[in-house]
Amino acid sequence: MLDPGLGEADRDKLAQEARGLIEQGGSVEEERKWGLRSLAYEIQRRTEADYRWYRFKATPDVLERIDHNLKIADGLLRFRVFKVNPEAPVVVPPSSGSPPPSGTGTPAPPAAAAPAAS
């Protein structure tokens, strides 16, 4: 999650540096630019971030180098590295501001009304 206070060119440069770290001893399988999205809570007084996502293969020493360099990088709000099953599908996030997918977040149907007393 990149700081939106940086210019677009600076955010792209930071993302390419992260990609370069991965490629020094691994391979990028997939890369996504999710763009500016609202945060669930403020981070460093920011309410949104520029999300970048990579699926990659790398050795443990590359992961240590990535972790170290990203911890000290300016302009980075947060980052996470997860180990995933290589067979797991890539999930594309919903577009910002779109309604939730059908079957989620919908209210329960109203209960049947009792017959009126006569």
PDB file of N, CA and C in Angstrom:
ATOM      1  N   MET A   1       0.856  -1.153   0.000  1.00  0.00           N
ATOM      2  CA  MET A   1       0.000   0.000   0.000  1.00  0.00           C
ATOM      3  C   MET A   1       0.908   1.222   0.000  1.00  0.00           C
ATOM      4  N   LEU A   2       0.808   1.988  -1.068  1.00  0.00           N
ATOM      5  CA  LEU A   2       1.680   3.137  -1.249  1.00  0.00           C
ATOM      6  C   LEU A   2       0.977   4.421  -0.821  1.00  0.00           C
ATOM      7  N   ASP A   3       1.783   5.359  -0.346  1.00  0.00           N
ATOM      8  CA  ASP A   3       1.279   6.646   0.116  1.00  0.00           C
ATOM      9  C   ASP A   3       0.754   7.447  -1.074  1.00  0.00           C
ATOM     10  N   PRO A   4      -0.543   7.813  -1.062  1.00  0.00           N
ATOM     11  CA  PRO A   4      -1.082   8.594  -2.174  1.00  0.00           C
ATOM     12  C   PRO A   4      -0.550  10.025  -2.206  1.00  0.00           C
ATOM     13  N   GLY A   5       0.142  10.448  -1.139  1.00  0.00           N
ATOM     14  CA  GLY A   5       0.748  11.774  -1.109  1.00  0.00           C
ATOM     15  C   GLY A   5       1.923  11.891  -2.067  1.00  0.00           C
ATOM     16  N   LEU A   6       2.475  10.755  -2.475  1.00  0.00           N
ATOM     17  CA  LEU A   6       3.533  10.762  -3.484  1.00  0.00           C
ATOM     18  C   LEU A   6       2.903  10.956  -4.855  1.00  0.00           C
ATOM     19  N   GLY A   7       3.635  11.480  -5.766  1.00  0.00           N
ATOM     20  CA  GLY A   7       3.148  11.608  -7.134  1.00  0.00           C
ATOM     21  C   GLY A   7       3.045  10.234  -7.785  1.00  0.00           C
ATOM     22  N   GLU A   8       2.264  10.164  -8.849  1.00  0.00           N
ATOM     23  CA  GLU A   8       2.070   8.904  -9.569  1.00  0.00           C
ATOM     24  C   GLU A   8       3.406   8.313 -10.020  1.00  0.00           C
ATOM     25  N   ALA A   9       4.289   9.136 -10.537  1.00  0.00           N
ATOM     26  CA  ALA A   9       5.593   8.661 -11.022  1.00  0.00           C
ATOM     27  C   ALA A   9       6.413   8.080  -9.873  1.00  0.00           C
ATOM     28  N   ASP A  10       6.379   8.724  -8.699  1.00  0.00           N
ATOM     29  CA  ASP A  10       7.126   8.222  -7.538  1.00  0.00           C
ATOM     30  C   ASP A  10       6.551   6.900  -7.046  1.00  0.00           C
ATOM     31  N   ARG A  11       5.226   6.778  -7.062  1.00  0.00           N
ATOM     32  CA  ARG A  11       4.603   5.507  -6.645  1.00  0.00           C
ATOM     33  C   ARG A  11       4.962   4.394  -7.625  1.00  0.00           C
ATOM     34  N   ASP A  12       4.947   4.701  -8.924  1.00  0.00           N
ATOM     35  CA  ASP A  12       5.336   3.702  -9.926  1.00  0.00           C
ATOM     36  C   ASP A  12       6.792   3.290  -9.745  1.00  0.00           C
ATOM     37  N   LYS A  13       7.650   4.254  -9.449  1.00  0.00           N
ATOM     38  CA  LYS A  13       9.075   3.957  -9.234  1.00  0.00           C
ATOM     39  C   LYS A  13       9.249   3.032  -8.025  1.00  0.00           C
ATOM     40  N   LEU A  14       8.544   3.322  -6.944  1.00  0.00           N
ATOM     41  CA  LEU A  14       8.622   2.488  -5.743  1.00  0.00           C
ATOM     42  C   LEU A  14       8.124   1.067  -6.020  1.00  0.00           C
ATOM     43  N   ALA A  15       7.051   0.951  -6.796  1.00  0.00           N
ATOM     44  CA  ALA A  15       6.525  -0.366  -7.155  1.00  0.00           C
ATOM     45  C   ALA A  15       7.524  -1.126  -8.026  1.00  0.00           C
ATOM     46  N   GLN A  16       8.187  -0.429  -8.947  1.00  0.00           N
ATOM     47  CA  GLN A  16       9.184  -1.086  -9.796  1.00  0.00           C
ATOM     48  C   GLN A  16      10.415  -1.509  -8.998  1.00  0.00           C
ATOM     49  N   GLU A  17      10.765  -0.738  -7.972  1.00  0.00           N
ATOM     50  CA  GLU A  17      11.874  -1.135  -7.101  1.00  0.00           C
ATOM     51  C   GLU A  17      11.522  -2.417  -6.355  1.00  0.00           C
ATOM     52  N   ALA A  18      10.279  -2.529  -5.889  1.00  0.00           N
ATOM     53  CA  ALA A  18       9.841  -3.753  -5.215  1.00  0.00           C
ATOM     54  C   ALA A  18       9.889  -4.932  -6.185  1.00  0.00           C
ATOM     55  N   ARG A  19       9.433  -4.704  -7.404  1.00  0.00           N
ATOM     56  CA  ARG A  19       9.487  -5.759  -8.424  1.00  0.00           C
ATOM     57  C   ARG A  19      10.940  -6.168  -8.683  1.00  0.00           C
ATOM     58  N   GLY A  20      11.828  -5.197  -8.754  1.00  0.00           N
ATOM     59  CA  GLY A  20      13.247  -5.483  -8.960  1.00  0.00           C
ATOM     60  C   GLY A  20      13.830  -6.336  -7.843  1.00  0.00           C
ATOM     61  N   LEU A  21      13.428  -6.053  -6.600  1.00  0.00           N
ATOM     62  CA  LEU A  21      13.888  -6.872  -5.471  1.00  0.00           C
ATOM     63  C   LEU A  21      13.454  -8.321  -5.636  1.00  0.00           C
ATOM     64  N   ILE A  22      12.224  -8.503  -6.065  1.00  0.00           N
ATOM     65  CA  ILE A  22      11.707  -9.858  -6.270  1.00  0.00           C
ATOM     66  C   ILE A  22      12.500 -10.559  -7.368  1.00  0.00           C
ATOM     67  N   GLU A  23      12.736  -9.866  -8.466  1.00  0.00           N
ATOM     68  CA  GLU A  23      13.374 -10.474  -9.623  1.00  0.00           C
ATOM     69  C   GLU A  23      14.868 -10.739  -9.436  1.00  0.00           C
ATOM     70  N   GLN A  24      15.472 -10.205  -8.361  1.00  0.00           N
ATOM     71  CA  GLN A  24      16.886 -10.470  -8.104  1.00  0.00           C
ATOM     72  C   GLN A  24      17.127 -11.940  -7.766  1.00  0.00           C
ATOM     73  N   GLY A  25      16.124 -12.624  -7.259  1.00  0.00           N
ATOM     74  CA  GLY A  25      16.313 -14.030  -6.915  1.00  0.00           C
ATOM     75  C   GLY A  25      15.034 -14.818  -7.023  1.00  0.00           C
ATOM     76  N   GLY A  26      14.060 -14.260  -7.708  1.00  0.00           N
ATOM     77  CA  GLY A  26      12.775 -14.933  -7.845  1.00  0.00           C
ATOM     78  C   GLY A  26      12.140 -14.548  -9.167  1.00  0.00           C
ATOM     79  N   SER A  27      10.853 -14.828  -9.278  1.00  0.00           N
ATOM     80  CA  SER A  27      10.145 -14.472 -10.507  1.00  0.00           C
ATOM     81  C   SER A  27       8.747 -13.970 -10.168  1.00  0.00           C
ATOM     82  N   VAL A  28       8.345 -12.923 -10.848  1.00  0.00           N
ATOM     83  CA  VAL A  28       7.006 -12.370 -10.671  1.00  0.00           C
ATOM     84  C   VAL A  28       6.067 -13.162 -11.566  1.00  0.00           C
ATOM     85  N   GLU A  29       5.071 -13.789 -10.966  1.00  0.00           N
ATOM     86  CA  GLU A  29       4.100 -14.585 -11.711  1.00  0.00           C
ATOM     87  C   GLU A  29       2.940 -13.716 -12.206  1.00  0.00           C
ATOM     88  N   GLU A  30       2.562 -12.745 -11.385  1.00  0.00           N
ATOM     89  CA  GLU A  30       1.443 -11.873 -11.739  1.00  0.00           C
ATOM     90  C   GLU A  30       1.592 -10.556 -10.984  1.00  0.00           C
ATOM     91  N   GLU A  31       1.132  -9.478 -11.608  1.00  0.00           N
ATOM     92  CA  GLU A  31       1.222  -8.145 -11.008  1.00  0.00           C
ATOM     93  C   GLU A  31      -0.083  -7.420 -11.284  1.00  0.00           C
ATOM     94  N   ARG A  32      -0.609  -6.759 -10.260  1.00  0.00           N
ATOM     95  CA  ARG A  32      -1.849  -5.987 -10.423  1.00  0.00           C
ATOM     96  C   ARG A  32      -1.684  -4.615  -9.792  1.00  0.00           C
ATOM     97  N   LYS A  33      -2.239  -3.632 -10.450  1.00  0.00           N
ATOM     98  CA  LYS A  33      -2.304  -2.274  -9.904  1.00  0.00           C
ATOM     99  C   LYS A  33      -3.768  -2.037  -9.593  1.00  0.00           C
ATOM    100  N   TRP A  34      -4.118  -2.049  -8.294  1.00  0.00           N
ATOM    101  CA  TRP A  34      -5.507  -1.900  -7.888  1.00  0.00           C
ATOM    102  C   TRP A  34      -5.909  -0.435  -7.782  1.00  0.00           C
ATOM    103  N   GLY A  35      -4.959   0.464  -7.738  1.00  0.00           N
ATOM    104  CA  GLY A  35      -5.261   1.885  -7.699  1.00  0.00           C
ATOM    105  C   GLY A  35      -5.592   2.409  -6.308  1.00  0.00           C
ATOM    106  N   LEU A  36      -6.090   3.625  -6.260  1.00  0.00           N
ATOM    107  CA  LEU A  36      -6.424   4.263  -4.980  1.00  0.00           C
ATOM    108  C   LEU A  36      -7.706   3.659  -4.412  1.00  0.00           C
ATOM    109  N   ARG A  37      -7.636   3.268  -3.147  1.00  0.00           N
ATOM    110  CA  ARG A  37      -8.785   2.690  -2.452  1.00  0.00           C
ATOM    111  C   ARG A  37      -8.830   3.228  -1.032  1.00  0.00           C
ATOM    112  N   SER A  38     -10.023   3.326  -0.508  1.00  0.00           N
ATOM    113  CA  SER A  38     -10.199   3.788   0.874  1.00  0.00           C
ATOM    114  C   SER A  38      -9.661   2.748   1.840  1.00  0.00           C
ATOM    115  N   LEU A  39      -9.098   3.224   2.932  1.00  0.00           N
ATOM    116  CA  LEU A  39      -8.605   2.343   3.988  1.00  0.00           C
ATOM    117  C   LEU A  39      -9.709   2.114   5.017  1.00  0.00           C
ATOM    118  N   ALA A  40      -9.662   0.996   5.693  1.00  0.00           N
ATOM    119  CA  ALA A  40     -10.630   0.712   6.746  1.00  0.00           C
ATOM    120  C   ALA A  40     -10.388   1.626   7.953  1.00  0.00           C
ATOM    121  N   TYR A  41      -9.154   2.049   8.134  1.00  0.00           N
ATOM    122  CA  TYR A  41      -8.795   2.963   9.219  1.00  0.00           C
ATOM    123  C   TYR A  41      -7.583   3.768   8.762  1.00  0.00           C
ATOM    124  N   GLU A  42      -7.352   4.891   9.406  1.00  0.00           N
ATOM    125  CA  GLU A  42      -6.239   5.752   9.027  1.00  0.00           C
ATOM    126  C   GLU A  42      -4.906   5.077   9.294  1.00  0.00           C
ATOM    127  N   ILE A  43      -3.966   5.279   8.385  1.00  0.00           N
ATOM    128  CA  ILE A  43      -2.589   4.841   8.554  1.00  0.00           C
ATOM    129  C   ILE A  43      -1.726   6.052   8.242  1.00  0.00           C
ATOM    130  N   GLN A  44      -0.939   6.471   9.197  1.00  0.00           N
ATOM    131  CA  GLN A  44      -0.081   7.645   9.034  1.00  0.00           C
ATOM    132  C   GLN A  44      -0.872   8.846   8.511  1.00  0.00           C
ATOM    133  N   ARG A  45      -2.047   9.052   9.078  1.00  0.00           N
ATOM    134  CA  ARG A  45      -2.954  10.160   8.735  1.00  0.00           C
ATOM    135  C   ARG A  45      -3.472  10.101   7.300  1.00  0.00           C
ATOM    136  N   ARG A  46      -3.434   8.951   6.693  1.00  0.00           N
ATOM    137  CA  ARG A  46      -3.964   8.768   5.333  1.00  0.00           C
ATOM    138  C   ARG A  46      -5.245   7.953   5.414  1.00  0.00           C
ATOM    139  N   THR A  47      -6.222   8.287   4.595  1.00  0.00           N
ATOM    140  CA  THR A  47      -7.489   7.555   4.574  1.00  0.00           C
ATOM    141  C   THR A  47      -7.635   6.701   3.317  1.00  0.00           C
ATOM    142  N   GLU A  48      -6.646   6.796   2.398  1.00  0.00           N
ATOM    143  CA  GLU A  48      -6.637   5.944   1.223  1.00  0.00           C
ATOM    144  C   GLU A  48      -5.201   5.595   0.872  1.00  0.00           C
ATOM    145  N   ALA A  49      -5.046   4.567   0.043  1.00  0.00           N
ATOM    146  CA  ALA A  49      -3.716   4.128  -0.370  1.00  0.00           C
ATOM    147  C   ALA A  49      -3.781   3.620  -1.804  1.00  0.00           C
ATOM    148  N   ASP A  50      -2.644   3.628  -2.448  1.00  0.00           N
ATOM    149  CA  ASP A  50      -2.500   3.081  -3.797  1.00  0.00           C
ATOM    150  C   ASP A  50      -2.053   1.628  -3.622  1.00  0.00           C
ATOM    151  N   TYR A  51      -2.937   0.700  -3.959  1.00  0.00           N
ATOM    152  CA  TYR A  51      -2.662  -0.717  -3.754  1.00  0.00           C
ATOM    153  C   TYR A  51      -1.938  -1.314  -4.949  1.00  0.00           C
ATOM    154  N   ARG A  52      -0.849  -2.037  -4.667  1.00  0.00           N
ATOM    155  CA  ARG A  52      -0.119  -2.792  -5.686  1.00  0.00           C
ATOM    156  C   ARG A  52      -0.018  -4.222  -5.173  1.00  0.00           C
ATOM    157  N   TRP A  53      -0.110  -5.189  -6.075  1.00  0.00           N
ATOM    158  CA  TRP A  53      -0.168  -6.593  -5.683  1.00  0.00           C
ATOM    159  C   TRP A  53       0.717  -7.413  -6.612  1.00  0.00           C
ATOM    160  N   TYR A  54       1.513  -8.303  -6.013  1.00  0.00           N
ATOM    161  CA  TYR A  54       2.389  -9.188  -6.782  1.00  0.00           C
ATOM    162  C   TYR A  54       2.194 -10.628  -6.302  1.00  0.00           C
ATOM    163  N   ARG A  55       2.130 -11.542  -7.241  1.00  0.00           N
ATOM    164  CA  ARG A  55       2.228 -12.969  -6.923  1.00  0.00           C
ATOM    165  C   ARG A  55       3.568 -13.399  -7.498  1.00  0.00           C
ATOM    166  N   PHE A  56       4.428 -13.960  -6.628  1.00  0.00           N
ATOM    167  CA  PHE A  56       5.776 -14.273  -7.078  1.00  0.00           C
ATOM    168  C   PHE A  56       6.304 -15.534  -6.398  1.00  0.00           C
ATOM    169  N   LYS A  57       7.383 -16.044  -6.968  1.00  0.00           N
ATOM    170  CA  LYS A  57       8.121 -17.167  -6.389  1.00  0.00           C
ATOM    171  C   LYS A  57       9.499 -16.639  -6.030  1.00  0.00           C
ATOM    172  N   ALA A  58       9.966 -17.000  -4.831  1.00  0.00           N
ATOM    173  CA  ALA A  58      11.279 -16.532  -4.392  1.00  0.00           C
ATOM    174  C   ALA A  58      11.810 -17.451  -3.298  1.00  0.00           C
ATOM    175  N   THR A  59      13.110 -17.387  -3.098  1.00  0.00           N
ATOM    176  CA  THR A  59      13.757 -18.166  -2.046  1.00  0.00           C
ATOM    177  C   THR A  59      13.668 -17.400  -0.725  1.00  0.00           C
ATOM    178  N   PRO A  60      13.875 -18.089   0.402  1.00  0.00           N
ATOM    179  CA  PRO A  60      13.800 -17.405   1.706  1.00  0.00           C
ATOM    180  C   PRO A  60      14.754 -16.223   1.845  1.00  0.00           C
ATOM    181  N   ASP A  61      15.954 -16.294   1.256  1.00  0.00           N
ATOM    182  CA  ASP A  61      16.877 -15.159   1.378  1.00  0.00           C
ATOM    183  C   ASP A  61      16.362 -13.938   0.618  1.00  0.00           C
ATOM    184  N   VAL A  62      15.673 -14.157  -0.486  1.00  0.00           N
ATOM    185  CA  VAL A  62      15.065 -13.047  -1.227  1.00  0.00           C
ATOM    186  C   VAL A  62      13.952 -12.428  -0.386  1.00  0.00           C
ATOM    187  N   LEU A  63      13.165 -13.258   0.277  1.00  0.00           N
ATOM    188  CA  LEU A  63      12.090 -12.744   1.137  1.00  0.00           C
ATOM    189  C   LEU A  63      12.652 -11.885   2.261  1.00  0.00           C
ATOM    190  N   GLU A  64      13.771 -12.301   2.841  1.00  0.00           N
ATOM    191  CA  GLU A  64      14.398 -11.500   3.899  1.00  0.00           C
ATOM    192  C   GLU A  64      14.858 -10.143   3.359  1.00  0.00           C
ATOM    193  N   ARG A  65      15.436 -10.143   2.161  1.00  0.00           N
ATOM    194  CA  ARG A  65      15.909  -8.895   1.551  1.00  0.00           C
ATOM    195  C   ARG A  65      14.727  -7.975   1.228  1.00  0.00           C
ATOM    196  N   ILE A  66      13.644  -8.551   0.702  1.00  0.00           N
ATOM    197  CA  ILE A  66      12.444  -7.769   0.403  1.00  0.00           C
ATOM    198  C   ILE A  66      11.885  -7.165   1.687  1.00  0.00           C
ATOM    199  N   ASP A  67      11.767  -7.991   2.719  1.00  0.00           N
ATOM    200  CA  ASP A  67      11.235  -7.533   4.005  1.00  0.00           C
ATOM    201  C   ASP A  67      12.068  -6.375   4.548  1.00  0.00           C
ATOM    202  N   HIS A  68      13.375  -6.523   4.534  1.00  0.00           N
ATOM    203  CA  HIS A  68      14.253  -5.471   5.051  1.00  0.00           C
ATOM    204  C   HIS A  68      14.101  -4.171   4.260  1.00  0.00           C
ATOM    205  N   ASN A  69      14.176  -4.271   2.934  1.00  0.00           N
ATOM    206  CA  ASN A  69      14.124  -3.066   2.103  1.00  0.00           C
ATOM    207  C   ASN A  69      12.770  -2.366   2.155  1.00  0.00           C
ATOM    208  N   LEU A  70      11.683  -3.133   2.216  1.00  0.00           N
ATOM    209  CA  LEU A  70      10.368  -2.500   2.265  1.00  0.00           C
ATOM    210  C   LEU A  70      10.095  -1.855   3.624  1.00  0.00           C
ATOM    211  N   LYS A  71      10.674  -2.414   4.684  1.00  0.00           N
ATOM    212  CA  LYS A  71      10.493  -1.810   6.015  1.00  0.00           C
ATOM    213  C   LYS A  71      11.106  -0.419   6.092  1.00  0.00           C
ATOM    214  N   ILE A  72      12.159  -0.172   5.347  1.00  0.00           N
ATOM    215  CA  ILE A  72      12.835   1.126   5.434  1.00  0.00           C
ATOM    216  C   ILE A  72      12.503   2.052   4.264  1.00  0.00           C
ATOM    217  N   ALA A  73      11.646   1.601   3.355  1.00  0.00           N
ATOM    218  CA  ALA A  73      11.303   2.414   2.188  1.00  0.00           C
ATOM    219  C   ALA A  73      10.391   3.571   2.570  1.00  0.00           C
ATOM    220  N   ASP A  74      10.690   4.747   2.064  1.00  0.00           N
ATOM    221  CA  ASP A  74       9.813   5.906   2.242  1.00  0.00           C
ATOM    222  C   ASP A  74       8.687   5.819   1.229  1.00  0.00           C
ATOM    223  N   GLY A  75       7.482   6.189   1.643  1.00  0.00           N
ATOM    224  CA  GLY A  75       6.350   6.195   0.732  1.00  0.00           C
ATOM    225  C   GLY A  75       5.523   4.926   0.759  1.00  0.00           C
ATOM    226  N   LEU A  76       5.902   3.995   1.601  1.00  0.00           N
ATOM    227  CA  LEU A  76       5.170   2.738   1.720  1.00  0.00           C
ATOM    228  C   LEU A  76       4.396   2.766   3.040  1.00  0.00           C
ATOM    229  N   LEU A  77       3.070   2.632   2.970  1.00  0.00           N
ATOM    230  CA  LEU A  77       2.265   2.655   4.190  1.00  0.00           C
ATOM    231  C   LEU A  77       2.257   1.297   4.880  1.00  0.00           C
ATOM    232  N   ARG A  78       2.038   0.235   4.126  1.00  0.00           N
ATOM    233  CA  ARG A  78       1.992  -1.133   4.664  1.00  0.00           C
ATOM    234  C   ARG A  78       2.368  -2.107   3.561  1.00  0.00           C
ATOM    235  N   PHE A  79       2.857  -3.276   3.976  1.00  0.00           N
ATOM    236  CA  PHE A  79       3.051  -4.373   3.039  1.00  0.00           C
ATOM    237  C   PHE A  79       2.888  -5.686   3.793  1.00  0.00           C
ATOM    238  N   ARG A  80       2.505  -6.707   3.088  1.00  0.00           N
ATOM    239  CA  ARG A  80       2.355  -8.049   3.646  1.00  0.00           C
ATOM    240  C   ARG A  80       2.834  -9.050   2.616  1.00  0.00           C
ATOM    241  N   VAL A  81       3.491 -10.101   3.095  1.00  0.00           N
ATOM    242  CA  VAL A  81       3.894 -11.201   2.230  1.00  0.00           C
ATOM    243  C   VAL A  81       3.217 -12.444   2.776  1.00  0.00           C
ATOM    244  N   PHE A  82       2.478 -13.142   1.923  1.00  0.00           N
ATOM    245  CA  PHE A  82       1.767 -14.356   2.296  1.00  0.00           C
ATOM    246  C   PHE A  82       2.268 -15.517   1.460  1.00  0.00           C
ATOM    247  N   LYS A  83       2.350 -16.668   2.074  1.00  0.00           N
ATOM    248  CA  LYS A  83       2.643 -17.882   1.319  1.00  0.00           C
ATOM    249  C   LYS A  83       1.301 -18.457   0.899  1.00  0.00           C
ATOM    250  N   VAL A  84       1.132 -18.662  -0.417  1.00  0.00           N
ATOM    251  CA  VAL A  84      -0.134 -19.184  -0.923  1.00  0.00           C
ATOM    252  C   VAL A  84       0.106 -20.456  -1.720  1.00  0.00           C
ATOM    253  N   ASN A  85      -0.942 -21.235  -1.827  1.00  0.00           N
ATOM    254  CA  ASN A  85      -0.913 -22.434  -2.650  1.00  0.00           C
ATOM    255  C   ASN A  85      -0.799 -21.977  -4.105  1.00  0.00           C
ATOM    256  N   PRO A  86       0.181 -22.487  -4.855  1.00  0.00           N
ATOM    257  CA  PRO A  86       0.331 -22.055  -6.248  1.00  0.00           C
ATOM    258  C   PRO A  86      -0.891 -22.364  -7.113  1.00  0.00           C
ATOM    259  N   GLU A  87      -1.721 -23.311  -6.675  1.00  0.00           N
ATOM    260  CA  GLU A  87      -2.917 -23.667  -7.435  1.00  0.00           C
ATOM    261  C   GLU A  87      -4.103 -22.761  -7.105  1.00  0.00           C
ATOM    262  N   ALA A  88      -3.968 -21.935  -6.060  1.00  0.00           N
ATOM    263  CA  ALA A  88      -5.071 -21.053  -5.662  1.00  0.00           C
ATOM    264  C   ALA A  88      -5.340 -20.038  -6.756  1.00  0.00           C
ATOM    265  N   PRO A  89      -6.617 -19.784  -7.048  1.00  0.00           N
ATOM    266  CA  PRO A  89      -6.927 -18.802  -8.090  1.00  0.00           C
ATOM    267  C   PRO A  89      -6.592 -17.385  -7.625  1.00  0.00           C
ATOM    268  N   VAL A  90      -6.345 -16.539  -8.576  1.00  0.00           N
ATOM    269  CA  VAL A  90      -6.104 -15.125  -8.285  1.00  0.00           C
ATOM    270  C   VAL A  90      -7.460 -14.454  -8.158  1.00  0.00           C
ATOM    271  N   VAL A  91      -7.692 -13.788  -7.042  1.00  0.00           N
ATOM    272  CA  VAL A  91      -8.962 -13.121  -6.793  1.00  0.00           C
ATOM    273  C   VAL A  91      -8.818 -11.655  -7.160  1.00  0.00           C
ATOM    274  N   VAL A  92      -9.696 -11.181  -7.991  1.00  0.00           N
ATOM    275  CA  VAL A  92      -9.693  -9.784  -8.399  1.00  0.00           C
ATOM    276  C   VAL A  92     -10.633  -9.029  -7.466  1.00  0.00           C
ATOM    277  N   PRO A  93     -10.168  -7.929  -6.860  1.00  0.00           N
ATOM    278  CA  PRO A  93     -11.034  -7.197  -5.940  1.00  0.00           C
ATOM    279  C   PRO A  93     -12.154  -6.490  -6.690  1.00  0.00           C
ATOM    280  N   PRO A  94     -13.274  -6.234  -5.998  1.00  0.00           N
ATOM    281  CA  PRO A  94     -14.346  -5.476  -6.653  1.00  0.00           C
ATOM    282  C   PRO A  94     -13.875  -4.053  -6.900  1.00  0.00           C
ATOM    283  N   SER A  95     -14.464  -3.416  -7.887  1.00  0.00           N
ATOM    284  CA  SER A  95     -14.101  -2.031  -8.149  1.00  0.00           C
ATOM    285  C   SER A  95     -14.561  -1.165  -6.987  1.00  0.00           C
ATOM    286  N   SER A  96     -13.876  -0.090  -6.749  1.00  0.00           N
ATOM    287  CA  SER A  96     -14.207   0.809  -5.643  1.00  0.00           C
ATOM    288  C   SER A  96     -15.616   1.345  -5.803  1.00  0.00           C
ATOM    289  N   GLY A  97     -16.368   1.310  -4.721  1.00  0.00           N
ATOM    290  CA  GLY A  97     -17.698   1.889  -4.708  1.00  0.00           C
ATOM    291  C   GLY A  97     -18.770   1.026  -5.334  1.00  0.00           C
ATOM    292  N   SER A  98     -18.441  -0.189  -5.744  1.00  0.00           N
ATOM    293  CA  SER A  98     -19.461  -1.047  -6.347  1.00  0.00           C
ATOM    294  C   SER A  98     -20.245  -1.769  -5.254  1.00  0.00           C
ATOM    295  N   PRO A  99     -21.474  -2.169  -5.533  1.00  0.00           N
ATOM    296  CA  PRO A  99     -22.256  -2.884  -4.531  1.00  0.00           C
ATOM    297  C   PRO A  99     -21.647  -4.256  -4.269  1.00  0.00           C
ATOM    298  N   PRO A 100     -21.926  -4.857  -3.103  1.00  0.00           N
ATOM    299  CA  PRO A 100     -21.367  -6.168  -2.805  1.00  0.00           C
ATOM    300  C   PRO A 100     -21.927  -7.217  -3.763  1.00  0.00           C
ATOM    301  N   PRO A 101     -21.178  -8.320  -3.975  1.00  0.00           N
ATOM    302  CA  PRO A 101     -21.679  -9.376  -4.853  1.00  0.00           C
ATOM    303  C   PRO A 101     -22.993  -9.934  -4.333  1.00  0.00           C
ATOM    304  N   SER A 102     -23.808 -10.466  -5.233  1.00  0.00           N
ATOM    305  CA  SER A 102     -25.102 -11.014  -4.810  1.00  0.00           C
ATOM    306  C   SER A 102     -24.882 -12.119  -3.796  1.00  0.00           C
ATOM    307  N   GLY A 103     -25.768 -12.190  -2.831  1.00  0.00           N
ATOM    308  CA  GLY A 103     -25.667 -13.199  -1.786  1.00  0.00           C
ATOM    309  C   GLY A 103     -24.898 -12.726  -0.570  1.00  0.00           C
ATOM    310  N   THR A 104     -24.302 -11.531  -0.625  1.00  0.00           N
ATOM    311  CA  THR A 104     -23.594 -11.007   0.538  1.00  0.00           C
ATOM    312  C   THR A 104     -24.124  -9.630   0.859  1.00  0.00           C
ATOM    313  N   GLY A 105     -24.271  -9.369   2.102  1.00  0.00           N
ATOM    314  CA  GLY A 105     -24.680  -8.048   2.536  1.00  0.00           C
ATOM    315  C   GLY A 105     -26.117  -7.698   2.228  1.00  0.00           C
ATOM    316  N   THR A 106     -26.929  -8.672   1.869  1.00  0.00           N
ATOM    317  CA  THR A 106     -28.337  -8.388   1.582  1.00  0.00           C
ATOM    318  C   THR A 106     -29.167  -8.714   2.813  1.00  0.00           C
ATOM    319  N   PRO A 107     -30.189  -7.930   3.079  1.00  0.00           N
ATOM    320  CA  PRO A 107     -31.003  -8.189   4.267  1.00  0.00           C
ATOM    321  C   PRO A 107     -31.806  -9.470   4.097  1.00  0.00           C
ATOM    322  N   ALA A 108     -32.145 -10.077   5.227  1.00  0.00           N
ATOM    323  CA  ALA A 108     -32.964 -11.302   5.206  1.00  0.00           C
ATOM    324  C   ALA A 108     -34.371 -10.953   4.771  1.00  0.00           C
ATOM    325  N   PRO A 109     -35.057 -11.884   4.090  1.00  0.00           N
ATOM    326  CA  PRO A 109     -36.433 -11.583   3.684  1.00  0.00           C
ATOM    327  C   PRO A 109     -37.314 -11.401   4.920  1.00  0.00           C
ATOM    328  N   PRO A 110     -38.339 -10.569   4.801  1.00  0.00           N
ATOM    329  CA  PRO A 110     -39.202 -10.340   5.958  1.00  0.00           C
ATOM    330  C   PRO A 110     -39.945 -11.623   6.327  1.00  0.00           C
ATOM    331  N   ALA A 111     -40.216 -11.747   7.614  1.00  0.00           N
ATOM    332  CA  ALA A 111     -40.957 -12.933   8.092  1.00  0.00           C
ATOM    333  C   ALA A 111     -42.393 -12.849   7.572  1.00  0.00           C
ATOM    334  N   ALA A 112     -43.003 -14.004   7.404  1.00  0.00           N
ATOM    335  CA  ALA A 112     -44.386 -14.036   6.917  1.00  0.00           C
ATOM    336  C   ALA A 112     -45.272 -13.367   7.947  1.00  0.00           C
ATOM    337  N   ALA A 113     -46.210 -12.583   7.467  1.00  0.00           N
ATOM    338  CA  ALA A 113     -47.116 -11.864   8.376  1.00  0.00           C
ATOM    339  C   ALA A 113     -48.140 -12.851   8.944  1.00  0.00           C
ATOM    340  N   ALA A 114     -48.458 -12.663  10.233  1.00  0.00           N
ATOM    341  CA  ALA A 114     -49.468 -13.517  10.877  1.00  0.00           C
ATOM    342  C   ALA A 114     -50.845 -13.115  10.378  1.00  0.00           C
ATOM    343  N   PRO A 115     -51.767 -14.074  10.271  1.00  0.00           N
ATOM    344  CA  PRO A 115     -53.120 -13.711   9.816  1.00  0.00           C
ATOM    345  C   PRO A 115     -53.765 -12.734  10.786  1.00  0.00           C
ATOM    346  N   ALA A 116     -54.525 -11.817  10.244  1.00  0.00           N
ATOM    347  CA  ALA A 116     -55.183 -10.814  11.078  1.00  0.00           C
ATOM    348  C   ALA A 116     -56.282 -11.466  11.898  1.00  0.00           C
ATOM    349  N   ALA A 117     -56.403 -11.037  13.152  1.00  0.00           N
ATOM    350  CA  ALA A 117     -57.467 -11.568  14.025  1.00  0.00           C
ATOM    351  C   ALA A 117     -58.785 -10.948  13.634  1.00  0.00           C
ATOM    352  N   SER A 118     -59.870 -11.763  13.694  1.00  0.00           N
ATOM    353  CA  SER A 118     -61.170 -11.204  13.318  1.00  0.00           C
ATOM    354  C   SER A 118     -62.019 -10.884  14.500  1.00  0.00           C
TER     355      SER A 118
END
